[in-house]
Amino acid sequence: MSTDLVRFESVAARDVALIVLEELAQAAPVRAWLFEAIGLEADSATILEASDSLGGPESPEFDATRRWSALEIGLETADERVRLVLTIGTGPAVDTDADALESIRTRRDRALDGDWDDCRLVSIAPKSALETGTTDTEPPTDATISLESLRDRFAARDGDRDEYRAALVQAAIDRGRRRASAGPPSIVAEYRALVREREPAFDLEAENEGADTVADDDTAVAIDAPPLADDHRLVHALSAGSVDLRIPGVAAHLRAFAARYATAIPPATDLLTDGDALVLRLSVPAIGSGSSADDDALDGDATAIDEAAVDETLTAIRDLLTVAKRVDDRSS
C-alpha cells in the first residue's frame, strides 16, 4: 500500500493507541516486546482484557487535537494478575491534563484494591518527551517506550499495512512537534480541521495570509467543493457569521433567478447584489472573537470551537452548494 495516498492531517494519539491495541491482540512479537519492557515473560502472560482507558469510540475525550490517549490491559501470569495502563502521547513533552492524570491514579489505586495483584504504568511517547523525564504532577512510570522504536518495528516488517502503520506513527510524532513549535492554533486552523473531518472533499483556504497561526477577527475561509462551478465563489466569514455564494453576471436578473431556483434556495437566504454579481447569504453561528468560548481556543490545547456551530455551518454550505449545482446544471 502506498502511503502517498494517505492523508494524516488530523492524526491523534488515539489513532496510535488503536494500532497498539490491535498489535497486542494479534502480534505475538509486539506482545513479547512490550512485556519485556515491564519485566514479564511473554510466554507466561495471557491477555484477559484490553480496552480504551478513557471512553468509547464516540467519546469527546478523543478529539483530533488531543496529544495523549490511554489503554488498559488485564494480564494473567503464572503467579499474579497484572493491570497494565499504557499512556500514548504525541507531544514533545509528557503533558497530560490534570483530570486525566487523576483518572490514571484512581484506576491504579482501584486495581490494587480490587482483583489485581499489581498495576504497572507504561509511557509511550516521542523520544524527546521521554528524555525530559517526569514531573511531580505525573504518576510514576514503570517503563517507557519511544514512538520512534514503535515506528521502526513497523518499518522493518513487510506486512500489507506495516508501511501505513509506520507512516501514521511518524505523522503523529511530526504533528506533535509542529503543534509545539507553532504556538497556539488559530481559530481558522481548528475550524479547518473540524470541517475536514466531516467533509474530506472540501478544500478550505484562509483569505488572509497567516491565518493558520494568528487570530484575525476578519478572517474568512474560501471553500472549494466538487459541485462548485469555476466562476462561483463560496466564502465563510467566521467572526461575521455568514456564508456567501457569489454568482457573477446575475445581479440584473435577481427576480428571475429567485423564481427559477425557488425550490433550491433555502427560505432564510438573503439575496444581495455586488456589482454584476448576485450574492446568496445564509447566517450561521459566529466563530472567532465574537464568541468568548472560541477565544479560549487560542489559550489551550484542545479545540474550544462549538462543534454544533460547525455542523450548522456545514448544513448552510451544503444548501448553497445545492443551489450552485442547480445553476451549473441548467447553464451546461
C-alpha atoms as a PDB file:
ATOM      1  CA  MET A   1       0.000   0.000   0.000  1.00  0.00           C
ATOM      2  CA  SER A   2       1.424   3.383  -0.956  1.00  0.00           C
ATOM      3  CA  THR A   3       1.376   5.896   1.895  1.00  0.00           C
ATOM      4  CA  ASP A   4       1.285   8.675  -0.717  1.00  0.00           C
ATOM      5  CA  LEU A   5      -2.467   8.075  -0.856  1.00  0.00           C
ATOM      6  CA  VAL A   6      -2.952   8.510   2.884  1.00  0.00           C
ATOM      7  CA  ARG A   7      -3.567  11.905   4.492  1.00  0.00           C
ATOM      8  CA  PHE A   8      -2.673  12.290   8.152  1.00  0.00           C
ATOM      9  CA  GLU A   9      -3.536  15.940   8.890  1.00  0.00           C
ATOM     10  CA  SER A  10      -5.761  15.012  11.811  1.00  0.00           C
ATOM     11  CA  VAL A  11      -3.832  12.059  13.233  1.00  0.00           C
ATOM     12  CA  ALA A  12      -4.122  11.970  17.017  1.00  0.00           C
ATOM     13  CA  ALA A  13      -2.715   9.985  19.916  1.00  0.00           C
ATOM     14  CA  ARG A  14      -5.767   7.753  19.909  1.00  0.00           C
ATOM     15  CA  ASP A  15      -5.005   6.614  16.346  1.00  0.00           C
ATOM     16  CA  VAL A  16      -1.662   5.334  17.611  1.00  0.00           C
ATOM     17  CA  ALA A  17      -3.351   3.807  20.669  1.00  0.00           C
ATOM     18  CA  LEU A  18      -5.739   1.804  18.496  1.00  0.00           C
ATOM     19  CA  ILE A  19      -2.822   0.444  16.466  1.00  0.00           C
ATOM     20  CA  VAL A  20      -1.067  -0.591  19.690  1.00  0.00           C
ATOM     21  CA  LEU A  21      -4.275  -2.251  20.877  1.00  0.00           C
ATOM     22  CA  GLU A  22      -4.600  -4.171  17.605  1.00  0.00           C
ATOM     23  CA  GLU A  23      -0.948  -5.222  17.710  1.00  0.00           C
ATOM     24  CA  LEU A  24      -1.247  -6.502  21.276  1.00  0.00           C
ATOM     25  CA  ALA A  25      -4.221  -8.626  20.284  1.00  0.00           C
ATOM     26  CA  GLN A  26      -2.759 -10.064  17.081  1.00  0.00           C
ATOM     27  CA  ALA A  27       1.045  -9.810  17.037  1.00  0.00           C
ATOM     28  CA  ALA A  28       2.999 -12.076  19.390  1.00  0.00           C
ATOM     29  CA  PRO A  29       6.345 -10.292  18.758  1.00  0.00           C
ATOM     30  CA  VAL A  30       4.851  -6.957  19.838  1.00  0.00           C
ATOM     31  CA  ARG A  31       3.394  -8.531  22.968  1.00  0.00           C
ATOM     32  CA  ALA A  32       6.772 -10.044  23.810  1.00  0.00           C
ATOM     33  CA  TRP A  33       8.495  -6.706  23.212  1.00  0.00           C
ATOM     34  CA  LEU A  34       6.063  -4.823  25.435  1.00  0.00           C
ATOM     35  CA  PHE A  35       6.020  -7.405  28.207  1.00  0.00           C
ATOM     36  CA  GLU A  36       9.815  -7.494  28.247  1.00  0.00           C
ATOM     37  CA  ALA A  37       9.817  -3.730  28.857  1.00  0.00           C
ATOM     38  CA  ILE A  38       7.908  -4.246  32.116  1.00  0.00           C
ATOM     39  CA  GLY A  39       9.759  -7.369  33.178  1.00  0.00           C
ATOM     40  CA  LEU A  40       7.199 -10.006  32.203  1.00  0.00           C
ATOM     41  CA  GLU A  41       7.805 -13.124  30.148  1.00  0.00           C
ATOM     42  CA  ALA A  42       5.501 -13.216  27.147  1.00  0.00           C
ATOM     43  CA  ASP A  43       5.098 -16.986  27.297  1.00  0.00           C
ATOM     44  CA  SER A  44       3.740 -16.800  30.829  1.00  0.00           C
ATOM     45  CA  ALA A  45       1.349 -13.861  30.320  1.00  0.00           C
ATOM     46  CA  THR A  46      -2.182 -14.144  28.984  1.00  0.00           C
ATOM     47  CA  ILE A  47      -4.240 -11.104  27.983  1.00  0.00           C
ATOM     48  CA  LEU A  48      -7.587 -11.245  29.773  1.00  0.00           C
ATOM     49  CA  GLU A  49      -8.983  -7.951  28.503  1.00  0.00           C
ATOM     50  CA  ALA A  50      -7.930  -4.814  26.662  1.00  0.00           C
ATOM     51  CA  SER A  51      -9.792  -1.548  26.168  1.00  0.00           C
ATOM     52  CA  ASP A  52      -9.631   2.225  25.790  1.00  0.00           C
ATOM     53  CA  SER A  53      -8.916   3.688  29.193  1.00  0.00           C
ATOM     54  CA  LEU A  54     -10.874   6.928  28.876  1.00  0.00           C
ATOM     55  CA  GLY A  55     -14.006   6.128  26.896  1.00  0.00           C
ATOM     56  CA  GLY A  56     -15.621   4.618  23.830  1.00  0.00           C
ATOM     57  CA  PRO A  57     -15.016   5.472  20.177  1.00  0.00           C
ATOM     58  CA  GLU A  58     -17.535   8.327  20.211  1.00  0.00           C
ATOM     59  CA  SER A  59     -16.194   9.922  23.393  1.00  0.00           C
ATOM     60  CA  PRO A  60     -15.263  13.613  23.117  1.00  0.00           C
ATOM     61  CA  GLU A  61     -12.214  12.732  25.217  1.00  0.00           C
ATOM     62  CA  PHE A  62     -10.610  11.633  21.953  1.00  0.00           C
ATOM     63  CA  ASP A  63     -10.889  14.722  19.795  1.00  0.00           C
ATOM     64  CA  ALA A  64      -8.497  15.317  16.943  1.00  0.00           C
ATOM     65  CA  THR A  65      -6.227  17.716  18.831  1.00  0.00           C
ATOM     66  CA  ARG A  66      -5.644  15.565  21.918  1.00  0.00           C
ATOM     67  CA  ARG A  67      -1.948  14.793  22.412  1.00  0.00           C
ATOM     68  CA  TRP A  68      -2.420  11.696  24.516  1.00  0.00           C
ATOM     69  CA  SER A  69      -4.594   8.635  24.929  1.00  0.00           C
ATOM     70  CA  ALA A  70      -4.568   5.580  27.171  1.00  0.00           C
ATOM     71  CA  LEU A  71      -5.208   1.841  27.135  1.00  0.00           C
ATOM     72  CA  GLU A  72      -5.863  -0.631  29.928  1.00  0.00           C
ATOM     73  CA  ILE A  73      -4.701  -4.231  29.602  1.00  0.00           C
ATOM     74  CA  GLY A  74      -5.551  -7.028  32.015  1.00  0.00           C
ATOM     75  CA  LEU A  75      -2.871  -9.752  32.201  1.00  0.00           C
ATOM     76  CA  GLU A  76      -2.609 -13.054  33.993  1.00  0.00           C
ATOM     77  CA  THR A  77       0.719 -14.759  34.653  1.00  0.00           C
ATOM     78  CA  ALA A  78       1.523 -17.960  36.496  1.00  0.00           C
ATOM     79  CA  ASP A  79       1.915 -16.033  39.740  1.00  0.00           C
ATOM     80  CA  GLU A  80      -0.276 -12.931  39.576  1.00  0.00           C
ATOM     81  CA  ARG A  81      -2.873 -10.816  37.828  1.00  0.00           C
ATOM     82  CA  VAL A  82      -1.450  -7.563  36.481  1.00  0.00           C
ATOM     83  CA  ARG A  83      -3.291  -4.436  35.380  1.00  0.00           C
ATOM     84  CA  LEU A  84      -1.309  -2.621  32.701  1.00  0.00           C
ATOM     85  CA  VAL A  85      -2.037   1.050  31.923  1.00  0.00           C
ATOM     86  CA  LEU A  86      -0.428   2.398  28.746  1.00  0.00           C
ATOM     87  CA  THR A  87      -0.387   6.137  28.103  1.00  0.00           C
ATOM     88  CA  ILE A  88       0.307   7.149  24.497  1.00  0.00           C
ATOM     89  CA  GLY A  89       1.468  10.721  23.945  1.00  0.00           C
ATOM     90  CA  THR A  90       2.416  12.560  20.753  1.00  0.00           C
ATOM     91  CA  GLY A  91       3.622  15.896  22.133  1.00  0.00           C
ATOM     92  CA  PRO A  92       7.293  16.773  22.740  1.00  0.00           C
ATOM     93  CA  ALA A  93       6.595  16.762  26.491  1.00  0.00           C
ATOM     94  CA  VAL A  94       4.598  14.355  28.602  1.00  0.00           C
ATOM     95  CA  ASP A  95       1.838  16.879  29.243  1.00  0.00           C
ATOM     96  CA  THR A  96      -1.343  15.068  30.181  1.00  0.00           C
ATOM     97  CA  ASP A  97      -4.083  17.153  31.742  1.00  0.00           C
ATOM     98  CA  ALA A  98      -4.925  17.123  35.436  1.00  0.00           C
ATOM     99  CA  ASP A  99      -8.260  15.314  35.083  1.00  0.00           C
ATOM    100  CA  ALA A 100      -6.694  12.533  33.025  1.00  0.00           C
ATOM    101  CA  LEU A 101      -3.810  12.143  35.469  1.00  0.00           C
ATOM    102  CA  GLU A 102      -6.254  11.830  38.326  1.00  0.00           C
ATOM    103  CA  SER A 103      -8.162   9.224  36.313  1.00  0.00           C
ATOM    104  CA  ILE A 104      -4.975   7.150  35.944  1.00  0.00           C
ATOM    105  CA  ARG A 105      -4.206   7.423  39.652  1.00  0.00           C
ATOM    106  CA  THR A 106      -7.749   6.365  40.501  1.00  0.00           C
ATOM    107  CA  ARG A 107      -7.605   3.369  38.183  1.00  0.00           C
ATOM    108  CA  ARG A 108      -4.238   2.343  39.577  1.00  0.00           C
ATOM    109  CA  ASP A 109      -5.454   2.536  43.172  1.00  0.00           C
ATOM    110  CA  ARG A 110      -8.670   0.718  42.306  1.00  0.00           C
ATOM    111  CA  ALA A 111      -6.768  -2.065  40.554  1.00  0.00           C
ATOM    112  CA  LEU A 112      -4.539  -2.626  43.572  1.00  0.00           C
ATOM    113  CA  ASP A 113      -7.508  -2.548  45.945  1.00  0.00           C
ATOM    114  CA  GLY A 114      -9.504  -4.964  43.784  1.00  0.00           C
ATOM    115  CA  ASP A 115      -8.808  -8.199  41.951  1.00  0.00           C
ATOM    116  CA  TRP A 116      -5.363  -7.229  40.640  1.00  0.00           C
ATOM    117  CA  ASP A 117      -2.105  -8.119  42.348  1.00  0.00           C
ATOM    118  CA  ASP A 118      -0.103  -5.430  40.585  1.00  0.00           C
ATOM    119  CA  CYS A 119      -0.642  -2.376  38.375  1.00  0.00           C
ATOM    120  CA  ARG A 120       2.058  -1.053  36.073  1.00  0.00           C
ATOM    121  CA  LEU A 121       2.210   2.107  34.017  1.00  0.00           C
ATOM    122  CA  VAL A 122       3.972   2.283  30.648  1.00  0.00           C
ATOM    123  CA  SER A 123       4.523   5.615  28.898  1.00  0.00           C
ATOM    124  CA  ILE A 124       4.689   5.527  25.085  1.00  0.00           C
ATOM    125  CA  ALA A 125       5.773   8.896  23.680  1.00  0.00           C
ATOM    126  CA  PRO A 126       8.299  10.562  21.367  1.00  0.00           C
ATOM    127  CA  LYS A 127      11.901  10.018  22.413  1.00  0.00           C
ATOM    128  CA  SER A 128      12.337  13.732  23.106  1.00  0.00           C
ATOM    129  CA  ALA A 129       9.441  13.674  25.562  1.00  0.00           C
ATOM    130  CA  LEU A 130      10.729  10.629  27.407  1.00  0.00           C
ATOM    131  CA  GLU A 131      14.189  12.186  27.712  1.00  0.00           C
ATOM    132  CA  THR A 132      12.764  15.193  29.566  1.00  0.00           C
ATOM    133  CA  GLY A 133      11.818  12.908  32.456  1.00  0.00           C
ATOM    134  CA  THR A 134       8.723  13.183  34.608  1.00  0.00           C
ATOM    135  CA  THR A 135       7.389  15.931  36.840  1.00  0.00           C
ATOM    136  CA  ASP A 136       5.810  15.953  40.262  1.00  0.00           C
ATOM    137  CA  THR A 137       2.376  16.122  38.635  1.00  0.00           C
ATOM    138  CA  GLU A 138       2.790  12.834  36.763  1.00  0.00           C
ATOM    139  CA  PRO A 139       2.143   9.337  38.096  1.00  0.00           C
ATOM    140  CA  PRO A 140       5.210   7.079  38.479  1.00  0.00           C
ATOM    141  CA  THR A 141       6.161   5.213  35.304  1.00  0.00           C
ATOM    142  CA  ASP A 142       7.337   1.602  35.376  1.00  0.00           C
ATOM    143  CA  ALA A 143       8.610   1.554  31.787  1.00  0.00           C
ATOM    144  CA  THR A 144       8.923   3.785  28.729  1.00  0.00           C
ATOM    145  CA  ILE A 145       8.762   3.017  25.003  1.00  0.00           C
ATOM    146  CA  SER A 146       9.533   5.613  22.343  1.00  0.00           C
ATOM    147  CA  LEU A 147       7.201   6.157  19.412  1.00  0.00           C
ATOM    148  CA  GLU A 148      10.276   6.084  17.196  1.00  0.00           C
ATOM    149  CA  SER A 149      11.030   2.499  18.234  1.00  0.00           C
ATOM    150  CA  LEU A 150       7.414   1.548  17.526  1.00  0.00           C
ATOM    151  CA  ARG A 151       7.660   3.197  14.100  1.00  0.00           C
ATOM    152  CA  ASP A 152      10.915   1.377  13.349  1.00  0.00           C
ATOM    153  CA  ARG A 153       9.371  -2.001  14.213  1.00  0.00           C
ATOM    154  CA  PHE A 154       6.575  -1.399  11.702  1.00  0.00           C
ATOM    155  CA  ALA A 155       9.013  -0.128   9.068  1.00  0.00           C
ATOM    156  CA  ALA A 156      11.137  -3.277   9.413  1.00  0.00           C
ATOM    157  CA  ARG A 157       8.190  -5.570   8.721  1.00  0.00           C
ATOM    158  CA  ASP A 158       6.737  -6.335   5.299  1.00  0.00           C
ATOM    159  CA  GLY A 159       3.058  -6.870   6.090  1.00  0.00           C
ATOM    160  CA  ASP A 160       0.269  -5.382   3.987  1.00  0.00           C
ATOM    161  CA  ARG A 161      -0.361  -2.478   6.374  1.00  0.00           C
ATOM    162  CA  ASP A 162       3.013  -2.054   8.089  1.00  0.00           C
ATOM    163  CA  GLU A 163       4.076   0.794   5.809  1.00  0.00           C
ATOM    164  CA  TYR A 164       0.813   2.532   6.674  1.00  0.00           C
ATOM    165  CA  ARG A 165       1.347   1.980  10.416  1.00  0.00           C
ATOM    166  CA  ALA A 166       4.897   3.338  10.282  1.00  0.00           C
ATOM    167  CA  ALA A 167       3.755   6.417   8.360  1.00  0.00           C
ATOM    168  CA  LEU A 168       0.898   7.066  10.783  1.00  0.00           C
ATOM    169  CA  VAL A 169       3.165   6.886  13.838  1.00  0.00           C
ATOM    170  CA  GLN A 170       5.668   9.216  12.155  1.00  0.00           C
ATOM    171  CA  ALA A 171       2.842  11.625  11.305  1.00  0.00           C
ATOM    172  CA  ALA A 172       1.765  11.624  14.960  1.00  0.00           C
ATOM    173  CA  ILE A 173       5.314  12.497  16.030  1.00  0.00           C
ATOM    174  CA  ASP A 174       5.579  15.252  13.409  1.00  0.00           C
ATOM    175  CA  ARG A 175       2.189  16.718  14.288  1.00  0.00           C
ATOM    176  CA  GLY A 176       3.050  16.879  17.976  1.00  0.00           C
ATOM    177  CA  ARG A 177       6.326  18.627  17.135  1.00  0.00           C
ATOM    178  CA  ARG A 178       4.630  21.114  14.795  1.00  0.00           C
ATOM    179  CA  ARG A 179       1.936  21.991  17.307  1.00  0.00           C
ATOM    180  CA  ALA A 180       4.560  22.678  19.964  1.00  0.00           C
ATOM    181  CA  SER A 181       6.731  24.868  17.721  1.00  0.00           C
ATOM    182  CA  ALA A 182       3.911  26.774  16.042  1.00  0.00           C
ATOM    183  CA  GLY A 183       2.359  28.027  19.260  1.00  0.00           C
ATOM    184  CA  PRO A 184      -1.367  28.099  19.985  1.00  0.00           C
ATOM    185  CA  PRO A 185      -3.532  27.165  16.977  1.00  0.00           C
ATOM    186  CA  SER A 186      -5.696  29.822  15.401  1.00  0.00           C
ATOM    187  CA  ILE A 187      -9.444  29.573  15.153  1.00  0.00           C
ATOM    188  CA  VAL A 188      -9.063  29.098  11.374  1.00  0.00           C
ATOM    189  CA  ALA A 189      -6.738  26.109  11.763  1.00  0.00           C
ATOM    190  CA  GLU A 190      -9.039  24.444  14.291  1.00  0.00           C
ATOM    191  CA  TYR A 191     -12.116  25.167  12.176  1.00  0.00           C
ATOM    192  CA  ARG A 192     -10.460  23.782   9.057  1.00  0.00           C
ATOM    193  CA  ALA A 193      -9.504  20.575  10.898  1.00  0.00           C
ATOM    194  CA  LEU A 194     -13.079  20.075  12.122  1.00  0.00           C
ATOM    195  CA  VAL A 195     -14.524  20.639   8.639  1.00  0.00           C
ATOM    196  CA  ARG A 196     -12.066  18.248   7.002  1.00  0.00           C
ATOM    197  CA  GLU A 197     -13.029  15.519   9.436  1.00  0.00           C
ATOM    198  CA  ARG A 198     -16.656  15.875   8.368  1.00  0.00           C
ATOM    199  CA  GLU A 199     -16.201  16.719   4.678  1.00  0.00           C
ATOM    200  CA  PRO A 200     -12.816  15.490   3.371  1.00  0.00           C
ATOM    201  CA  ALA A 201     -13.746  16.590  -0.167  1.00  0.00           C
ATOM    202  CA  PHE A 202     -13.959  20.248   0.864  1.00  0.00           C
ATOM    203  CA  ASP A 203     -10.833  22.327   0.246  1.00  0.00           C
ATOM    204  CA  LEU A 204     -10.590  25.302   2.613  1.00  0.00           C
ATOM    205  CA  GLU A 205      -8.220  28.228   2.161  1.00  0.00           C
ATOM    206  CA  ALA A 206      -7.938  31.205   4.509  1.00  0.00           C
ATOM    207  CA  GLU A 207      -8.475  34.523   2.785  1.00  0.00           C
ATOM    208  CA  ASN A 208      -5.792  36.355   4.785  1.00  0.00           C
ATOM    209  CA  GLU A 209      -2.145  35.308   4.920  1.00  0.00           C
ATOM    210  CA  GLY A 210      -1.001  33.842   8.232  1.00  0.00           C
ATOM    211  CA  ALA A 211      -4.477  32.940   9.464  1.00  0.00           C
ATOM    212  CA  ASP A 212      -3.331  29.467  10.440  1.00  0.00           C
ATOM    213  CA  THR A 213      -1.099  30.852  13.168  1.00  0.00           C
ATOM    214  CA  VAL A 214      -2.517  34.285  14.027  1.00  0.00           C
ATOM    215  CA  ALA A 215      -6.045  35.022  15.213  1.00  0.00           C
ATOM    216  CA  ASP A 216      -7.763  37.576  12.975  1.00  0.00           C
ATOM    217  CA  ASP A 217     -11.204  38.994  13.646  1.00  0.00           C
ATOM    218  CA  ASP A 218     -11.900  39.464   9.940  1.00  0.00           C
ATOM    219  CA  THR A 219     -10.803  36.027   8.781  1.00  0.00           C
ATOM    220  CA  ALA A 220     -12.825  34.427   6.015  1.00  0.00           C
ATOM    221  CA  VAL A 221     -12.375  30.975   4.546  1.00  0.00           C
ATOM    222  CA  ALA A 222     -12.916  30.212   0.866  1.00  0.00           C
ATOM    223  CA  ILE A 223     -14.467  26.805   0.261  1.00  0.00           C
ATOM    224  CA  ASP A 224     -13.915  24.765  -2.872  1.00  0.00           C
ATOM    225  CA  ALA A 225     -16.092  21.699  -3.333  1.00  0.00           C
ATOM    226  CA  PRO A 226     -16.866  19.403  -6.295  1.00  0.00           C
ATOM    227  CA  PRO A 227     -20.298  20.912  -7.191  1.00  0.00           C
ATOM    228  CA  LEU A 228     -18.929  24.479  -7.317  1.00  0.00           C
ATOM    229  CA  ALA A 229     -18.507  25.977 -10.796  1.00  0.00           C
ATOM    230  CA  ASP A 230     -15.233  27.691 -11.679  1.00  0.00           C
ATOM    231  CA  ASP A 231     -16.794  31.169 -11.681  1.00  0.00           C
ATOM    232  CA  HIS A 232     -18.780  30.685  -8.461  1.00  0.00           C
ATOM    233  CA  ARG A 233     -17.252  31.627  -5.131  1.00  0.00           C
ATOM    234  CA  LEU A 234     -18.250  30.272  -1.716  1.00  0.00           C
ATOM    235  CA  VAL A 235     -16.892  32.085   1.356  1.00  0.00           C
ATOM    236  CA  HIS A 236     -17.478  31.612   5.082  1.00  0.00           C
ATOM    237  CA  ALA A 237     -16.855  34.732   7.194  1.00  0.00           C
ATOM    238  CA  LEU A 238     -16.126  33.122  10.558  1.00  0.00           C
ATOM    239  CA  SER A 239     -16.481  36.012  13.009  1.00  0.00           C
ATOM    240  CA  ALA A 240     -19.244  37.708  10.983  1.00  0.00           C
ATOM    241  CA  GLY A 241     -21.282  34.513  10.985  1.00  0.00           C
ATOM    242  CA  SER A 242     -22.227  34.288   7.317  1.00  0.00           C
ATOM    243  CA  VAL A 243     -21.743  32.022   4.310  1.00  0.00           C
ATOM    244  CA  ASP A 244     -21.894  33.678   0.880  1.00  0.00           C
ATOM    245  CA  LEU A 245     -22.329  32.107  -2.541  1.00  0.00           C
ATOM    246  CA  ARG A 246     -21.284  34.634  -5.183  1.00  0.00           C
ATOM    247  CA  ILE A 247     -22.555  34.088  -8.736  1.00  0.00           C
ATOM    248  CA  PRO A 248     -21.297  36.594 -11.339  1.00  0.00           C
ATOM    249  CA  GLY A 249     -23.455  38.162 -14.052  1.00  0.00           C
ATOM    250  CA  VAL A 250     -26.796  37.525 -12.351  1.00  0.00           C
ATOM    251  CA  ALA A 251     -27.469  40.728 -10.371  1.00  0.00           C
ATOM    252  CA  ALA A 252     -29.538  42.267 -13.170  1.00  0.00           C
ATOM    253  CA  HIS A 253     -31.820  39.211 -13.194  1.00  0.00           C
ATOM    254  CA  LEU A 254     -32.318  38.837  -9.437  1.00  0.00           C
ATOM    255  CA  ARG A 255     -36.100  38.341  -9.515  1.00  0.00           C
ATOM    256  CA  ALA A 256     -35.997  35.897 -12.397  1.00  0.00           C
ATOM    257  CA  PHE A 257     -33.188  33.976 -10.699  1.00  0.00           C
ATOM    258  CA  ALA A 258     -35.099  33.792  -7.406  1.00  0.00           C
ATOM    259  CA  ALA A 259     -38.194  32.497  -9.166  1.00  0.00           C
ATOM    260  CA  ARG A 260     -36.316  29.959 -11.263  1.00  0.00           C
ATOM    261  CA  TYR A 261     -34.462  28.412  -8.305  1.00  0.00           C
ATOM    262  CA  ALA A 262     -37.086  28.961  -5.611  1.00  0.00           C
ATOM    263  CA  THR A 263     -37.229  25.264  -4.724  1.00  0.00           C
ATOM    264  CA  ALA A 264     -33.464  25.086  -4.193  1.00  0.00           C
ATOM    265  CA  ILE A 265     -32.837  28.373  -2.380  1.00  0.00           C
ATOM    266  CA  PRO A 266     -33.246  27.998   1.421  1.00  0.00           C
ATOM    267  CA  PRO A 267     -36.027  30.272   2.778  1.00  0.00           C
ATOM    268  CA  ALA A 268     -33.610  32.051   5.145  1.00  0.00           C
ATOM    269  CA  THR A 269     -31.328  33.153   2.287  1.00  0.00           C
ATOM    270  CA  ASP A 270     -30.665  36.869   1.802  1.00  0.00           C
ATOM    271  CA  LEU A 271     -30.293  37.850  -1.861  1.00  0.00           C
ATOM    272  CA  LEU A 272     -27.798  40.697  -2.283  1.00  0.00           C
ATOM    273  CA  THR A 273     -26.092  42.355  -5.225  1.00  0.00           C
ATOM    274  CA  ASP A 274     -22.433  43.282  -5.551  1.00  0.00           C
ATOM    275  CA  GLY A 275     -21.746  44.909  -8.885  1.00  0.00           C
ATOM    276  CA  ASP A 276     -22.938  42.461 -11.536  1.00  0.00           C
ATOM    277  CA  ALA A 277     -22.814  39.540  -9.100  1.00  0.00           C
ATOM    278  CA  LEU A 278     -25.626  38.055  -7.055  1.00  0.00           C
ATOM    279  CA  VAL A 279     -24.710  37.019  -3.518  1.00  0.00           C
ATOM    280  CA  LEU A 280     -26.758  34.395  -1.688  1.00  0.00           C
ATOM    281  CA  ARG A 281     -26.092  34.756   2.043  1.00  0.00           C
ATOM    282  CA  LEU A 282     -27.021  32.475   4.924  1.00  0.00           C
ATOM    283  CA  SER A 283     -26.455  33.446   8.555  1.00  0.00           C
ATOM    284  CA  VAL A 284     -24.592  30.912  10.717  1.00  0.00           C
ATOM    285  CA  PRO A 285     -23.180  30.962  14.264  1.00  0.00           C
ATOM    286  CA  ALA A 286     -20.151  33.238  14.611  1.00  0.00           C
ATOM    287  CA  ILE A 287     -16.800  31.540  15.124  1.00  0.00           C
ATOM    288  CA  GLY A 288     -13.958  33.676  16.436  1.00  0.00           C
ATOM    289  CA  SER A 289     -13.648  36.751  18.614  1.00  0.00           C
ATOM    290  CA  GLY A 290     -17.401  37.169  18.636  1.00  0.00           C
ATOM    291  CA  SER A 291     -17.614  34.119  20.889  1.00  0.00           C
ATOM    292  CA  SER A 292     -15.847  34.028  24.261  1.00  0.00           C
ATOM    293  CA  ALA A 293     -15.789  30.228  24.117  1.00  0.00           C
ATOM    294  CA  ASP A 294     -13.930  30.331  20.836  1.00  0.00           C
ATOM    295  CA  ASP A 295     -11.456  32.886  22.200  1.00  0.00           C
ATOM    296  CA  ASP A 296     -10.420  30.283  24.738  1.00  0.00           C
ATOM    297  CA  ALA A 297      -9.349  28.020  21.874  1.00  0.00           C
ATOM    298  CA  LEU A 298      -6.291  30.186  21.436  1.00  0.00           C
ATOM    299  CA  ASP A 299      -5.141  29.581  25.007  1.00  0.00           C
ATOM    300  CA  GLY A 300      -5.421  25.802  25.333  1.00  0.00           C
ATOM    301  CA  ASP A 301      -4.504  22.592  23.595  1.00  0.00           C
ATOM    302  CA  ALA A 302      -7.996  21.258  22.865  1.00  0.00           C
ATOM    303  CA  THR A 303     -10.393  22.752  20.361  1.00  0.00           C
ATOM    304  CA  ALA A 304     -12.895  25.091  22.029  1.00  0.00           C
ATOM    305  CA  ILE A 305     -14.931  25.721  18.874  1.00  0.00           C
ATOM    306  CA  ASP A 306     -18.539  24.672  19.340  1.00  0.00           C
ATOM    307  CA  GLU A 307     -18.831  21.655  17.056  1.00  0.00           C
ATOM    308  CA  ALA A 308     -22.597  22.184  16.812  1.00  0.00           C
ATOM    309  CA  ALA A 309     -21.813  25.556  15.206  1.00  0.00           C
ATOM    310  CA  VAL A 310     -19.559  23.814  12.683  1.00  0.00           C
ATOM    311  CA  ASP A 311     -22.299  21.300  11.876  1.00  0.00           C
ATOM    312  CA  GLU A 312     -24.838  24.106  11.395  1.00  0.00           C
ATOM    313  CA  THR A 313     -22.405  25.940   9.136  1.00  0.00           C
ATOM    314  CA  LEU A 314     -21.834  22.825   7.041  1.00  0.00           C
ATOM    315  CA  THR A 315     -25.592  22.481   6.588  1.00  0.00           C
ATOM    316  CA  ALA A 316     -25.684  26.029   5.200  1.00  0.00           C
ATOM    317  CA  ILE A 317     -22.698  25.323   2.954  1.00  0.00           C
ATOM    318  CA  ARG A 318     -24.329  22.182   1.564  1.00  0.00           C
ATOM    319  CA  ASP A 319     -27.570  24.095   0.933  1.00  0.00           C
ATOM    320  CA  LEU A 320     -25.728  26.751  -1.064  1.00  0.00           C
ATOM    321  CA  LEU A 321     -23.780  24.091  -2.954  1.00  0.00           C
ATOM    322  CA  THR A 322     -27.117  22.577  -3.962  1.00  0.00           C
ATOM    323  CA  VAL A 323     -28.086  25.935  -5.466  1.00  0.00           C
ATOM    324  CA  ALA A 324     -24.707  26.225  -7.200  1.00  0.00           C
ATOM    325  CA  LYS A 325     -25.076  22.756  -8.705  1.00  0.00           C
ATOM    326  CA  ARG A 326     -28.599  23.515  -9.926  1.00  0.00           C
ATOM    327  CA  VAL A 327     -27.370  26.706 -11.602  1.00  0.00           C
ATOM    328  CA  ASP A 328     -24.410  24.920 -13.169  1.00  0.00           C
ATOM    329  CA  ASP A 329     -26.583  22.055 -14.444  1.00  0.00           C
ATOM    330  CA  ARG A 330     -29.021  24.485 -16.046  1.00  0.00           C
ATOM    331  CA  SER A 331     -26.218  26.507 -17.645  1.00  0.00           C
ATOM    332  CA  SER A 332     -24.422  23.499 -19.158  1.00  0.00           C
END
